[in-house]
Amino acid sequence: MAERFTSAIIVAAGDSTRMGYKLSKQLIPLNGRAAIEYTLKAFQTCPQIDEIIVVARAKDIDDIAHIAFAFKKVSSVTAGGATRVESVKKGVRAADRRATHYAIHDGARVLITPAQIEKALNAAYECGAAALGTPVTDTVKVVDENGVILSTPDRSSMWAVQTPQVFEKDLYKRAMANAVEKELNVTDDCAMVEAIGCKVRVVRGEYSNIKLTTPVDITIAEALLAKRK
């Protein structure tokens, strides 16, 4: 059996449209440091991560590379594609040939911790595919195009899925090939694996593992980071 080698693919190629910033949200300062630094530090610190690949917007490459290469595990900073699937595919291509598992993470989830990363990794090492998630706390409604409620799903079985999402290499490459061939419009990597009929285990994460999406998230992230210090 080949020795385990885990490559983290940090997807930092999104824009900041909903944030209202011209600056990439990966570079937004949080308590004096660029947001991406907190993400990279967590993966650098996790002992089970062997290398880190950062996928960034082409125009952010120089700025992000300047930050990223300060972390010893970062092996590559590469330009992303037009879609999330294309961006992750470029990250996977840049991974070390020895990789046995890929840990895909949203660069904007800056509050991830080494312990949470490890939790997702251990589950994936056991079953092949795993992701962090938390039970939904709000009542969720299905609505039509006019905003009228159509139904109320049972909240007890609903989870909000986070990242990292971790997959065995061959399984993930099959899922990726299928997604590219069928031009699947997916918002996370679990959906690609589900599309080829494989099961993904969701393990309990932390509600603090938020994604920087709107200005209020910056305020929350800065408060939580300050509390950790």
Foldseek 3Di string as FASTA:
>chain_A
DADAAEEEEAEQADAQVQAPDNDRQQQDDFPRGRLLLLVLVQLLPQPRHQAYEYEYAPVCQVVVCVRNVVRPRYDYYHYADPAPLRRVVVRVVPDDPSHFKYFYAHSQLSPDHSVQQVVQVVVCVVFFKEFEKAQDDDFDFDADPVRHGDDTDDSVPDIGTHGRIMGGVVLQVVLSVVCVVVVPRDDDSQVSSVVVPDDYYYDYDDPSSDGPRYNVNSVSVSVVVVVVD
